[in-house]
Each structure stands twice: as C-alpha cells, then as structure tokens.
Amino acid sequence: MNKIHPLATVSPKAVLGDNIEVGPYAFIDENVEIGDGCKIYPHAVIFPYVKMGKNCEVYPGAVLGAVPQDLKFDGEITHVVIGDNVTIRECVTINRGTKASGKGITKVGNNTLIMSYVHIAHDCSVGNHCILVSYVGIAGETEVDDWAILGGGAKAHQFTKIGCHAMVGGMSKINKDIPPFALCGRDPICYAGVNIVGLRRRGFSADVVRNIKDIYDTIYFQGYNITDGCAKVEAGFPDSDEKSAILNFIRSSKRGIIKANNPGEKGDID
C-alpha cells in the first residue's frame, strides 16, 4: 500500500509501484514510472519521462527529468532512467537526454549514491555502484563506469569518460579521460597511481592489484608514448580482465587519457 501525503501532487497518469512513500509538497508528473519501495521526500520534483527502479530515495529539493540545458533540444520526448537502490540526495538535478546526441536518454545505474547538489547533464551515463560526492558536475554525454568515485566538487568536461573503479580527487577539473582502476587528482589533473584501497575493499587480490600497477607503470613511466606503451602491455602481460579493460578503454578514448603526475616519476602511491 502506498503512502501519499495529501499535500503531495501526483499525476493520475504516473505509474507507481507498491509500498511507495511520497512526502508533502513533492511533485510527480505524468509519464513517470516509479518502482516498488521508493521514497520521495518533501519538495522533490519528478518531471515527465522519468523511469525509476525499486527502493530508490529522492531527497528534498532534487529535480529529476527537467528538460536539458542544451540549445539543441527542440522539445522532443527524451528520458531519464534510474536503476534500483539509488540514493539521490538534496538538490540533485538530473536532466533528460537530447535526440541531437543520438541517445535521448540519461542513465543512472543500480546501487549508486548521488550526494547533494550534484548535476548530471543530458545524455550522461552513470554506472552501477558509483559515488558522486556533493557538488560534482558532469557535463553532457559524460560516461562514468561502474564503481567509479568522483570526489566533492569535481567537474567533468562534456564527452569525457571515467573508467571503472577509478577514484577522482575532490575539486578536480576532468578534461581528459580517466582510465580504469586509476587514482587521479591535482591541478592539472593527472594519474597518481592505482586505486589500491578501493580495489582491496572490493575483493581484488594483491597479485591483481600489482599487475594493474605494473601495466600502468609500463604505459606511463618507461618512456613510451601511449600507443607504444599499450603495445608493450599487449605483448608483455598475460591476458586478464583488467588488462583488457585498460587497453580497450585507452584505445577507444577520443579525448585522450590523463597524463602522469610528472614525466619519469612513479607517483606517491605504492
């Protein structure tokens, strides 16, 4: 049974699952789907063409599904799709996609935490188990892969990609792609090592973490350019999921990946 506060506004054309709670002054428009067990707190706003999975929480002041802040948008029907078990904290904004991008959809995966005042622009894709800390802003068509963490106040240029299990320091200006498993920060942003703590917490063995570190040492610190470094890794390391993830990400990057912190140095994380 749903608990809809009498001061909430819920369109009769919204599709609500079971055991949903909607607080006072929350607004849910037509063409919205909300899965079982979700909680929509007071003063949250959900505009049309939003689909939300199960057991999500939307905190006060959050606005989901507003039209994109993109001059190419021409009123077309586009969407926001949010997975299961997603927490969306105070004053988060998640905009719909645009057809001009060829996508028309903004996505957030399962089990992701989006902290206060985060902005997710049109056609972005945020994966599963991600954390976007307060005041993060990701511009249009940014991709954030599974398990990535963006520190508070980090800002991503449009079209950038953040690889799986990457950790981006707070206040970073992300203008190049962040490869998988990397720890990065500073100004200008640069590679500072492997996200060792995060990988250990997620069950990666010491041997796997060491192998990832050796791959990045080869790419960044043995005097090769990125292309030659990748070729050296391809030939010199045994096949593994981690090797494939790194090489596929780098070779598919259109913006190029971040540089090392200083040429010839191995960073300050061992």
C-alpha atoms as a PDB file:
ATOM      1  CA  MET A   1       0.000   0.000   0.000  1.00  0.00           C
ATOM      2  CA  ASN A   2       1.343   3.427  -0.942  1.00  0.00           C
ATOM      3  CA  LYS A   3       1.566   6.353   1.462  1.00  0.00           C
ATOM      4  CA  ILE A   4       0.872   9.565  -0.475  1.00  0.00           C
ATOM      5  CA  HIS A   5       0.771  12.687   1.679  1.00  0.00           C
ATOM      6  CA  PRO A   6      -2.355  14.769   0.999  1.00  0.00           C
ATOM      7  CA  LEU A   7      -0.182  17.806   0.246  1.00  0.00           C
ATOM      8  CA  ALA A   8       1.772  15.965  -2.432  1.00  0.00           C
ATOM      9  CA  THR A   9       0.885  16.376  -6.116  1.00  0.00           C
ATOM     10  CA  VAL A  10       0.893  13.096  -8.032  1.00  0.00           C
ATOM     11  CA  SER A  11      -0.445  12.869 -11.573  1.00  0.00           C
ATOM     12  CA  PRO A  12      -3.091  10.181 -12.083  1.00  0.00           C
ATOM     13  CA  LYS A  13      -1.101   9.265 -15.201  1.00  0.00           C
ATOM     14  CA  ALA A  14       2.011   8.424 -13.159  1.00  0.00           C
ATOM     15  CA  VAL A  15       2.641   4.704 -12.716  1.00  0.00           C
ATOM     16  CA  LEU A  16       3.524   3.860  -9.127  1.00  0.00           C
ATOM     17  CA  GLY A  17       4.640   0.507  -7.770  1.00  0.00           C
ATOM     18  CA  ASP A  18       3.855  -0.844  -4.324  1.00  0.00           C
ATOM     19  CA  ASN A  19       4.930   0.426  -0.892  1.00  0.00           C
ATOM     20  CA  ILE A  20       5.873   3.879  -2.152  1.00  0.00           C
ATOM     21  CA  GLU A  21       6.045   6.890   0.166  1.00  0.00           C
ATOM     22  CA  VAL A  22       5.547  10.442  -1.139  1.00  0.00           C
ATOM     23  CA  GLY A  23       6.059  13.347   1.247  1.00  0.00           C
ATOM     24  CA  PRO A  24       4.287  16.711   1.445  1.00  0.00           C
ATOM     25  CA  TYR A  25       4.754  19.133  -1.455  1.00  0.00           C
ATOM     26  CA  ALA A  26       6.514  16.533  -3.566  1.00  0.00           C
ATOM     27  CA  PHE A  27       5.538  16.714  -7.254  1.00  0.00           C
ATOM     28  CA  ILE A  28       5.277  13.719  -9.579  1.00  0.00           C
ATOM     29  CA  ASP A  29       4.215  14.469 -13.139  1.00  0.00           C
ATOM     30  CA  GLU A  30       2.557  12.329 -15.789  1.00  0.00           C
ATOM     31  CA  ASN A  31       4.594   9.816 -17.811  1.00  0.00           C
ATOM     32  CA  VAL A  32       6.607   8.884 -14.733  1.00  0.00           C
ATOM     33  CA  GLU A  33       7.232   5.315 -13.556  1.00  0.00           C
ATOM     34  CA  ILE A  34       8.384   4.627 -10.002  1.00  0.00           C
ATOM     35  CA  GLY A  35       9.281   1.138  -8.798  1.00  0.00           C
ATOM     36  CA  ASP A  36       8.320  -0.635  -5.594  1.00  0.00           C
ATOM     37  CA  GLY A  37       9.584   0.612  -2.255  1.00  0.00           C
ATOM     38  CA  CYS A  38      10.732   4.075  -3.346  1.00  0.00           C
ATOM     39  CA  LYS A  39      10.633   7.079  -1.033  1.00  0.00           C
ATOM     40  CA  ILE A  40      10.057  10.532  -2.496  1.00  0.00           C
ATOM     41  CA  TYR A  41      10.708  13.079   0.230  1.00  0.00           C
ATOM     42  CA  PRO A  42       9.075  16.522   0.649  1.00  0.00           C
ATOM     43  CA  HIS A  43       9.635  19.095  -2.110  1.00  0.00           C
ATOM     44  CA  ALA A  44      11.256  16.635  -4.517  1.00  0.00           C
ATOM     45  CA  VAL A  45      10.217  17.128  -8.170  1.00  0.00           C
ATOM     46  CA  ILE A  46       9.941  14.407 -10.816  1.00  0.00           C
ATOM     47  CA  PHE A  47       9.057  15.704 -14.277  1.00  0.00           C
ATOM     48  CA  PRO A  48       7.754  13.609 -17.204  1.00  0.00           C
ATOM     49  CA  TYR A  49       9.640  10.779 -18.874  1.00  0.00           C
ATOM     50  CA  VAL A  50      11.456   9.548 -15.781  1.00  0.00           C
ATOM     51  CA  LYS A  51      11.585   5.828 -15.035  1.00  0.00           C
ATOM     52  CA  MET A  52      12.890   4.805 -11.621  1.00  0.00           C
ATOM     53  CA  GLY A  53      13.637   1.314 -10.349  1.00  0.00           C
ATOM     54  CA  LYS A  54      12.958  -0.220  -6.950  1.00  0.00           C
ATOM     55  CA  ASN A  55      13.934   1.011  -3.476  1.00  0.00           C
ATOM     56  CA  CYS A  56      15.227   4.410  -4.520  1.00  0.00           C
ATOM     57  CA  GLU A  57      15.208   7.512  -2.334  1.00  0.00           C
ATOM     58  CA  VAL A  58      14.798  11.048  -3.659  1.00  0.00           C
ATOM     59  CA  TYR A  59      15.534  13.745  -1.078  1.00  0.00           C
ATOM     60  CA  PRO A  60      14.098  17.284  -0.762  1.00  0.00           C
ATOM     61  CA  GLY A  61      14.923  19.756  -3.496  1.00  0.00           C
ATOM     62  CA  ALA A  62      16.019  17.154  -6.039  1.00  0.00           C
ATOM     63  CA  VAL A  63      14.734  17.700  -9.597  1.00  0.00           C
ATOM     64  CA  LEU A  64      14.632  14.719 -11.938  1.00  0.00           C
ATOM     65  CA  GLY A  65      13.738  14.882 -15.611  1.00  0.00           C
ATOM     66  CA  ALA A  66      13.905  18.611 -16.273  1.00  0.00           C
ATOM     67  CA  VAL A  67      14.477  19.446 -19.928  1.00  0.00           C
ATOM     68  CA  PRO A  68      18.159  19.516 -20.862  1.00  0.00           C
ATOM     69  CA  GLN A  69      20.174  22.698 -20.648  1.00  0.00           C
ATOM     70  CA  ASP A  70      21.188  22.285 -24.258  1.00  0.00           C
ATOM     71  CA  LEU A  71      20.311  24.695 -27.073  1.00  0.00           C
ATOM     72  CA  LYS A  72      19.968  21.750 -29.468  1.00  0.00           C
ATOM     73  CA  PHE A  73      16.964  20.482 -27.518  1.00  0.00           C
ATOM     74  CA  ASP A  74      13.787  21.088 -29.518  1.00  0.00           C
ATOM     75  CA  GLY A  75      11.054  19.787 -27.239  1.00  0.00           C
ATOM     76  CA  GLU A  76      11.344  16.154 -28.297  1.00  0.00           C
ATOM     77  CA  ILE A  77      10.463  13.278 -25.992  1.00  0.00           C
ATOM     78  CA  THR A  78      13.582  12.063 -24.219  1.00  0.00           C
ATOM     79  CA  HIS A  79      14.124  10.201 -20.969  1.00  0.00           C
ATOM     80  CA  VAL A  80      15.834   9.709 -17.635  1.00  0.00           C
ATOM     81  CA  VAL A  81      16.252   6.097 -16.498  1.00  0.00           C
ATOM     82  CA  ILE A  82      17.348   5.340 -12.935  1.00  0.00           C
ATOM     83  CA  GLY A  83      18.131   1.849 -11.660  1.00  0.00           C
ATOM     84  CA  ASP A  84      17.385   0.097  -8.376  1.00  0.00           C
ATOM     85  CA  ASN A  85      18.610   1.111  -4.912  1.00  0.00           C
ATOM     86  CA  VAL A  86      19.738   4.574  -5.984  1.00  0.00           C
ATOM     87  CA  THR A  87      20.012   7.326  -3.378  1.00  0.00           C
ATOM     88  CA  ILE A  88      19.539  10.851  -4.722  1.00  0.00           C
ATOM     89  CA  ARG A  89      20.294  13.433  -2.070  1.00  0.00           C
ATOM     90  CA  GLU A  90      19.231  17.043  -1.585  1.00  0.00           C
ATOM     91  CA  CYS A  91      19.078  19.388  -4.586  1.00  0.00           C
ATOM     92  CA  VAL A  92      20.455  16.934  -7.134  1.00  0.00           C
ATOM     93  CA  THR A  93      19.499  17.708 -10.749  1.00  0.00           C
ATOM     94  CA  ILE A  94      19.314  15.020 -13.443  1.00  0.00           C
ATOM     95  CA  ASN A  95      18.322  16.297 -16.891  1.00  0.00           C
ATOM     96  CA  ARG A  96      16.693  14.419 -19.743  1.00  0.00           C
ATOM     97  CA  GLY A  97      18.604  13.493 -22.886  1.00  0.00           C
ATOM     98  CA  THR A  98      18.522  15.108 -26.315  1.00  0.00           C
ATOM     99  CA  LYS A  99      17.843  13.497 -29.670  1.00  0.00           C
ATOM    100  CA  ALA A 100      20.589  15.614 -31.225  1.00  0.00           C
ATOM    101  CA  SER A 101      23.144  13.498 -29.369  1.00  0.00           C
ATOM    102  CA  GLY A 102      21.751  10.331 -30.892  1.00  0.00           C
ATOM    103  CA  LYS A 103      20.985   8.972 -27.423  1.00  0.00           C
ATOM    104  CA  GLY A 104      17.990  10.775 -25.997  1.00  0.00           C
ATOM    105  CA  ILE A 105      18.453   9.208 -22.583  1.00  0.00           C
ATOM    106  CA  THR A 106      20.257   9.992 -19.339  1.00  0.00           C
ATOM    107  CA  LYS A 107      21.034   6.910 -17.243  1.00  0.00           C
ATOM    108  CA  VAL A 108      21.970   6.127 -13.644  1.00  0.00           C
ATOM    109  CA  GLY A 109      22.741   2.510 -12.763  1.00  0.00           C
ATOM    110  CA  ASN A 110      21.937   0.390  -9.718  1.00  0.00           C
ATOM    111  CA  ASN A 111      23.199   0.904  -6.162  1.00  0.00           C
ATOM    112  CA  THR A 112      24.611   4.355  -6.892  1.00  0.00           C
ATOM    113  CA  LEU A 113      24.873   7.210  -4.399  1.00  0.00           C
ATOM    114  CA  ILE A 114      24.406  10.739  -5.720  1.00  0.00           C
ATOM    115  CA  MET A 115      25.148  13.237  -2.974  1.00  0.00           C
ATOM    116  CA  SER A 116      23.777  16.746  -2.507  1.00  0.00           C
ATOM    117  CA  TYR A 117      23.885  19.375  -5.279  1.00  0.00           C
ATOM    118  CA  VAL A 118      25.267  17.024  -7.922  1.00  0.00           C
ATOM    119  CA  HIS A 119      24.328  17.868 -11.531  1.00  0.00           C
ATOM    120  CA  ILE A 120      24.031  15.126 -14.145  1.00  0.00           C
ATOM    121  CA  ALA A 121      23.550  16.718 -17.553  1.00  0.00           C
ATOM    122  CA  HIS A 122      21.817  15.461 -20.675  1.00  0.00           C
ATOM    123  CA  ASP A 123      22.739  12.079 -22.104  1.00  0.00           C
ATOM    124  CA  CYS A 124      25.182  11.198 -19.339  1.00  0.00           C
ATOM    125  CA  SER A 125      25.597   7.595 -18.297  1.00  0.00           C
ATOM    126  CA  VAL A 126      26.476   6.761 -14.679  1.00  0.00           C
ATOM    127  CA  GLY A 127      27.110   3.093 -13.934  1.00  0.00           C
ATOM    128  CA  ASN A 128      26.411   0.755 -11.043  1.00  0.00           C
ATOM    129  CA  HIS A 129      27.842   1.206  -7.528  1.00  0.00           C
ATOM    130  CA  CYS A 130      29.161   4.690  -8.305  1.00  0.00           C
ATOM    131  CA  ILE A 131      29.504   7.541  -5.828  1.00  0.00           C
ATOM    132  CA  LEU A 132      29.226  11.161  -6.939  1.00  0.00           C
ATOM    133  CA  VAL A 133      30.132  13.295  -3.950  1.00  0.00           C
ATOM    134  CA  SER A 134      28.491  16.661  -3.220  1.00  0.00           C
ATOM    135  CA  TYR A 135      28.788  19.419  -5.845  1.00  0.00           C
ATOM    136  CA  VAL A 136      30.085  17.151  -8.597  1.00  0.00           C
ATOM    137  CA  GLY A 137      29.020  18.332 -12.045  1.00  0.00           C
ATOM    138  CA  ILE A 138      29.226  16.163 -15.146  1.00  0.00           C
ATOM    139  CA  ALA A 139      28.553  17.861 -18.465  1.00  0.00           C
ATOM    140  CA  GLY A 140      26.580  16.402 -21.347  1.00  0.00           C
ATOM    141  CA  GLU A 141      27.377  12.894 -22.614  1.00  0.00           C
ATOM    142  CA  THR A 142      29.889  12.133 -19.884  1.00  0.00           C
ATOM    143  CA  GLU A 143      30.262   8.423 -19.083  1.00  0.00           C
ATOM    144  CA  VAL A 144      31.043   7.191 -15.577  1.00  0.00           C
ATOM    145  CA  ASP A 145      31.689   3.449 -15.429  1.00  0.00           C
ATOM    146  CA  ASP A 146      30.832   1.021 -12.613  1.00  0.00           C
ATOM    147  CA  TRP A 147      32.336   1.551  -9.142  1.00  0.00           C
ATOM    148  CA  ALA A 148      33.881   4.920 -10.022  1.00  0.00           C
ATOM    149  CA  ILE A 149      34.031   7.608  -7.317  1.00  0.00           C
ATOM    150  CA  LEU A 150      34.136  11.333  -8.077  1.00  0.00           C
ATOM    151  CA  GLY A 151      35.286  13.485  -5.153  1.00  0.00           C
ATOM    152  CA  GLY A 152      33.423  16.564  -3.975  1.00  0.00           C
ATOM    153  CA  GLY A 153      33.304  19.468  -6.401  1.00  0.00           C
ATOM    154  CA  ALA A 154      34.886  17.578  -9.302  1.00  0.00           C
ATOM    155  CA  LYS A 155      33.779  18.841 -12.715  1.00  0.00           C
ATOM    156  CA  ALA A 156      33.814  16.798 -15.923  1.00  0.00           C
ATOM    157  CA  HIS A 157      34.046  18.300 -19.413  1.00  0.00           C
ATOM    158  CA  GLN A 158      31.430  17.099 -21.896  1.00  0.00           C
ATOM    159  CA  PHE A 159      32.144  13.790 -23.641  1.00  0.00           C
ATOM    160  CA  THR A 160      34.685  12.677 -21.034  1.00  0.00           C
ATOM    161  CA  LYS A 161      34.857   9.092 -19.772  1.00  0.00           C
ATOM    162  CA  ILE A 162      35.719   7.883 -16.282  1.00  0.00           C
ATOM    163  CA  GLY A 163      36.722   4.219 -16.179  1.00  0.00           C
ATOM    164  CA  CYS A 164      35.552   1.514 -13.791  1.00  0.00           C
ATOM    165  CA  HIS A 165      36.927   1.558 -10.227  1.00  0.00           C
ATOM    166  CA  ALA A 166      38.591   4.937 -10.805  1.00  0.00           C
ATOM    167  CA  MET A 167      38.914   7.403  -7.944  1.00  0.00           C
ATOM    168  CA  VAL A 168      38.942  11.110  -8.807  1.00  0.00           C
ATOM    169  CA  GLY A 169      40.099  13.598  -6.181  1.00  0.00           C
ATOM    170  CA  GLY A 170      37.837  16.396  -4.990  1.00  0.00           C
ATOM    171  CA  MET A 171      37.769  19.679  -6.944  1.00  0.00           C
ATOM    172  CA  SER A 172      39.396  18.031  -9.960  1.00  0.00           C
ATOM    173  CA  LYS A 173      38.907  19.501 -13.419  1.00  0.00           C
ATOM    174  CA  ILE A 174      38.339  16.462 -15.618  1.00  0.00           C
ATOM    175  CA  ASN A 175      39.219  17.417 -19.184  1.00  0.00           C
ATOM    176  CA  LYS A 176      40.726  14.092 -20.267  1.00  0.00           C
ATOM    177  CA  ASP A 177      39.525  10.521 -19.888  1.00  0.00           C
ATOM    178  CA  ILE A 178      40.286   8.730 -16.605  1.00  0.00           C
ATOM    179  CA  PRO A 179      41.371   5.121 -17.251  1.00  0.00           C
ATOM    180  CA  PRO A 180      40.057   2.183 -15.197  1.00  0.00           C
ATOM    181  CA  PHE A 181      41.403   1.489 -11.687  1.00  0.00           C
ATOM    182  CA  ALA A 182      43.271   4.806 -11.624  1.00  0.00           C
ATOM    183  CA  LEU A 183      43.699   7.230  -8.756  1.00  0.00           C
ATOM    184  CA  CYS A 184      43.946  10.783 -10.004  1.00  0.00           C
ATOM    185  CA  GLY A 185      43.809  14.375  -8.873  1.00  0.00           C
ATOM    186  CA  ARG A 186      45.912  17.546  -8.617  1.00  0.00           C
ATOM    187  CA  ASP A 187      45.709  20.572 -10.913  1.00  0.00           C
ATOM    188  CA  PRO A 188      46.059  19.974 -13.790  1.00  0.00           C
ATOM    189  CA  ILE A 189      44.556  16.557 -13.275  1.00  0.00           C
ATOM    190  CA  CYS A 190      46.991  13.662 -13.616  1.00  0.00           C
ATOM    191  CA  TYR A 191      47.499   9.987 -12.888  1.00  0.00           C
ATOM    192  CA  ALA A 192      48.770   9.455  -9.337  1.00  0.00           C
ATOM    193  CA  GLY A 193      48.709   5.679  -9.051  1.00  0.00           C
ATOM    194  CA  VAL A 194      46.257   2.810  -8.752  1.00  0.00           C
ATOM    195  CA  ASN A 195      43.106   2.985  -6.616  1.00  0.00           C
ATOM    196  CA  ILE A 196      44.597   0.389  -4.275  1.00  0.00           C
ATOM    197  CA  VAL A 197      42.302   0.972  -1.296  1.00  0.00           C
ATOM    198  CA  GLY A 198      39.158   0.817  -3.398  1.00  0.00           C
ATOM    199  CA  LEU A 199      40.251  -2.346  -5.191  1.00  0.00           C
ATOM    200  CA  ARG A 200      41.150  -4.120  -1.941  1.00  0.00           C
ATOM    201  CA  ARG A 201      37.764  -3.226  -0.479  1.00  0.00           C
ATOM    202  CA  ARG A 202      36.091  -4.800  -3.497  1.00  0.00           C
ATOM    203  CA  GLY A 203      37.996  -8.063  -3.187  1.00  0.00           C
ATOM    204  CA  PHE A 204      40.781  -7.664  -5.736  1.00  0.00           C
ATOM    205  CA  SER A 205      43.756  -9.801  -4.753  1.00  0.00           C
ATOM    206  CA  ALA A 206      47.209  -8.375  -4.103  1.00  0.00           C
ATOM    207  CA  ASP A 207      48.505 -10.076  -7.262  1.00  0.00           C
ATOM    208  CA  VAL A 208      45.803  -8.493  -9.419  1.00  0.00           C
ATOM    209  CA  VAL A 209      46.421  -5.049  -7.931  1.00  0.00           C
ATOM    210  CA  ARG A 210      50.175  -5.429  -8.509  1.00  0.00           C
ATOM    211  CA  ASN A 211      49.538  -6.468 -12.100  1.00  0.00           C
ATOM    212  CA  ILE A 212      47.385  -3.370 -12.690  1.00  0.00           C
ATOM    213  CA  LYS A 213      50.124  -1.196 -11.210  1.00  0.00           C
ATOM    214  CA  ASP A 214      52.770  -2.840 -13.422  1.00  0.00           C
ATOM    215  CA  ILE A 215      50.613  -2.246 -16.502  1.00  0.00           C
ATOM    216  CA  TYR A 216      50.291   1.458 -15.712  1.00  0.00           C
ATOM    217  CA  ASP A 217      53.989   1.744 -14.873  1.00  0.00           C
ATOM    218  CA  THR A 218      54.700   0.385 -18.354  1.00  0.00           C
ATOM    219  CA  ILE A 219      52.298   2.791 -20.039  1.00  0.00           C
ATOM    220  CA  TYR A 220      53.252   5.893 -18.069  1.00  0.00           C
ATOM    221  CA  PHE A 221      56.788   5.559 -16.732  1.00  0.00           C
ATOM    222  CA  GLN A 222      59.001   3.597 -19.143  1.00  0.00           C
ATOM    223  CA  GLY A 223      59.449   6.339 -21.703  1.00  0.00           C
ATOM    224  CA  TYR A 224      56.913   5.151 -24.258  1.00  0.00           C
ATOM    225  CA  ASN A 225      54.175   7.182 -25.826  1.00  0.00           C
ATOM    226  CA  ILE A 226      50.696   5.899 -25.004  1.00  0.00           C
ATOM    227  CA  THR A 227      50.345   3.865 -28.203  1.00  0.00           C
ATOM    228  CA  ASP A 228      53.693   2.142 -27.781  1.00  0.00           C
ATOM    229  CA  GLY A 229      53.094   1.623 -24.084  1.00  0.00           C
ATOM    230  CA  CYS A 230      49.838  -0.164 -24.853  1.00  0.00           C
ATOM    231  CA  ALA A 231      51.587  -2.329 -27.433  1.00  0.00           C
ATOM    232  CA  LYS A 232      54.228  -3.235 -24.844  1.00  0.00           C
ATOM    233  CA  VAL A 233      51.486  -4.221 -22.372  1.00  0.00           C
ATOM    234  CA  GLU A 234      49.672  -6.230 -25.069  1.00  0.00           C
ATOM    235  CA  ALA A 235      52.798  -8.259 -25.800  1.00  0.00           C
ATOM    236  CA  GLY A 236      54.330  -8.464 -22.347  1.00  0.00           C
ATOM    237  CA  PHE A 237      51.491  -9.183 -19.914  1.00  0.00           C
ATOM    238  CA  PRO A 238      49.313 -12.283 -19.625  1.00  0.00           C
ATOM    239  CA  ASP A 239      45.696 -11.915 -20.655  1.00  0.00           C
ATOM    240  CA  SER A 240      43.330 -10.824 -17.888  1.00  0.00           C
ATOM    241  CA  ASP A 241      40.077  -8.941 -17.489  1.00  0.00           C
ATOM    242  CA  GLU A 242      41.978  -5.993 -16.026  1.00  0.00           C
ATOM    243  CA  LYS A 243      44.453  -5.850 -18.920  1.00  0.00           C
ATOM    244  CA  SER A 244      41.606  -5.945 -21.434  1.00  0.00           C
ATOM    245  CA  ALA A 245      39.666  -3.237 -19.579  1.00  0.00           C
ATOM    246  CA  ILE A 246      42.668  -0.912 -19.536  1.00  0.00           C
ATOM    247  CA  LEU A 247      43.715  -1.418 -23.149  1.00  0.00           C
ATOM    248  CA  ASN A 248      40.194  -1.276 -24.567  1.00  0.00           C
ATOM    249  CA  PHE A 249      39.471   1.912 -22.634  1.00  0.00           C
ATOM    250  CA  ILE A 250      42.649   3.686 -23.739  1.00  0.00           C
ATOM    251  CA  ARG A 251      42.369   2.622 -27.363  1.00  0.00           C
ATOM    252  CA  SER A 252      38.747   3.753 -27.582  1.00  0.00           C
ATOM    253  CA  SER A 253      39.387   7.122 -25.920  1.00  0.00           C
ATOM    254  CA  LYS A 254      38.569  10.073 -28.154  1.00  0.00           C
ATOM    255  CA  ARG A 255      39.729  12.820 -25.802  1.00  0.00           C
ATOM    256  CA  GLY A 256      42.917  11.068 -24.747  1.00  0.00           C
ATOM    257  CA  ILE A 257      43.740   9.915 -21.236  1.00  0.00           C
ATOM    258  CA  ILE A 258      45.207  11.935 -18.381  1.00  0.00           C
ATOM    259  CA  LYS A 259      48.981  12.267 -18.166  1.00  0.00           C
ATOM    260  CA  ALA A 260      51.231  11.086 -15.360  1.00  0.00           C
ATOM    261  CA  ASN A 261      51.881  13.497 -12.495  1.00  0.00           C
ATOM    262  CA  ASN A 262      55.437  14.211 -13.654  1.00  0.00           C
ATOM    263  CA  PRO A 263      57.328  12.599 -16.522  1.00  0.00           C
ATOM    264  CA  GLY A 264      59.672   9.926 -15.212  1.00  0.00           C
ATOM    265  CA  GLU A 265      58.146   9.734 -11.736  1.00  0.00           C
ATOM    266  CA  LYS A 266      56.036   6.889 -10.408  1.00  0.00           C
ATOM    267  CA  GLY A 267      53.784   8.999  -8.234  1.00  0.00           C
ATOM    268  CA  ASP A 268      53.499   8.909  -4.482  1.00  0.00           C
ATOM    269  CA  ILE A 269      51.301   5.822  -4.090  1.00  0.00           C
ATOM    270  CA  ASP A 270      52.988   2.436  -3.848  1.00  0.00           C
END
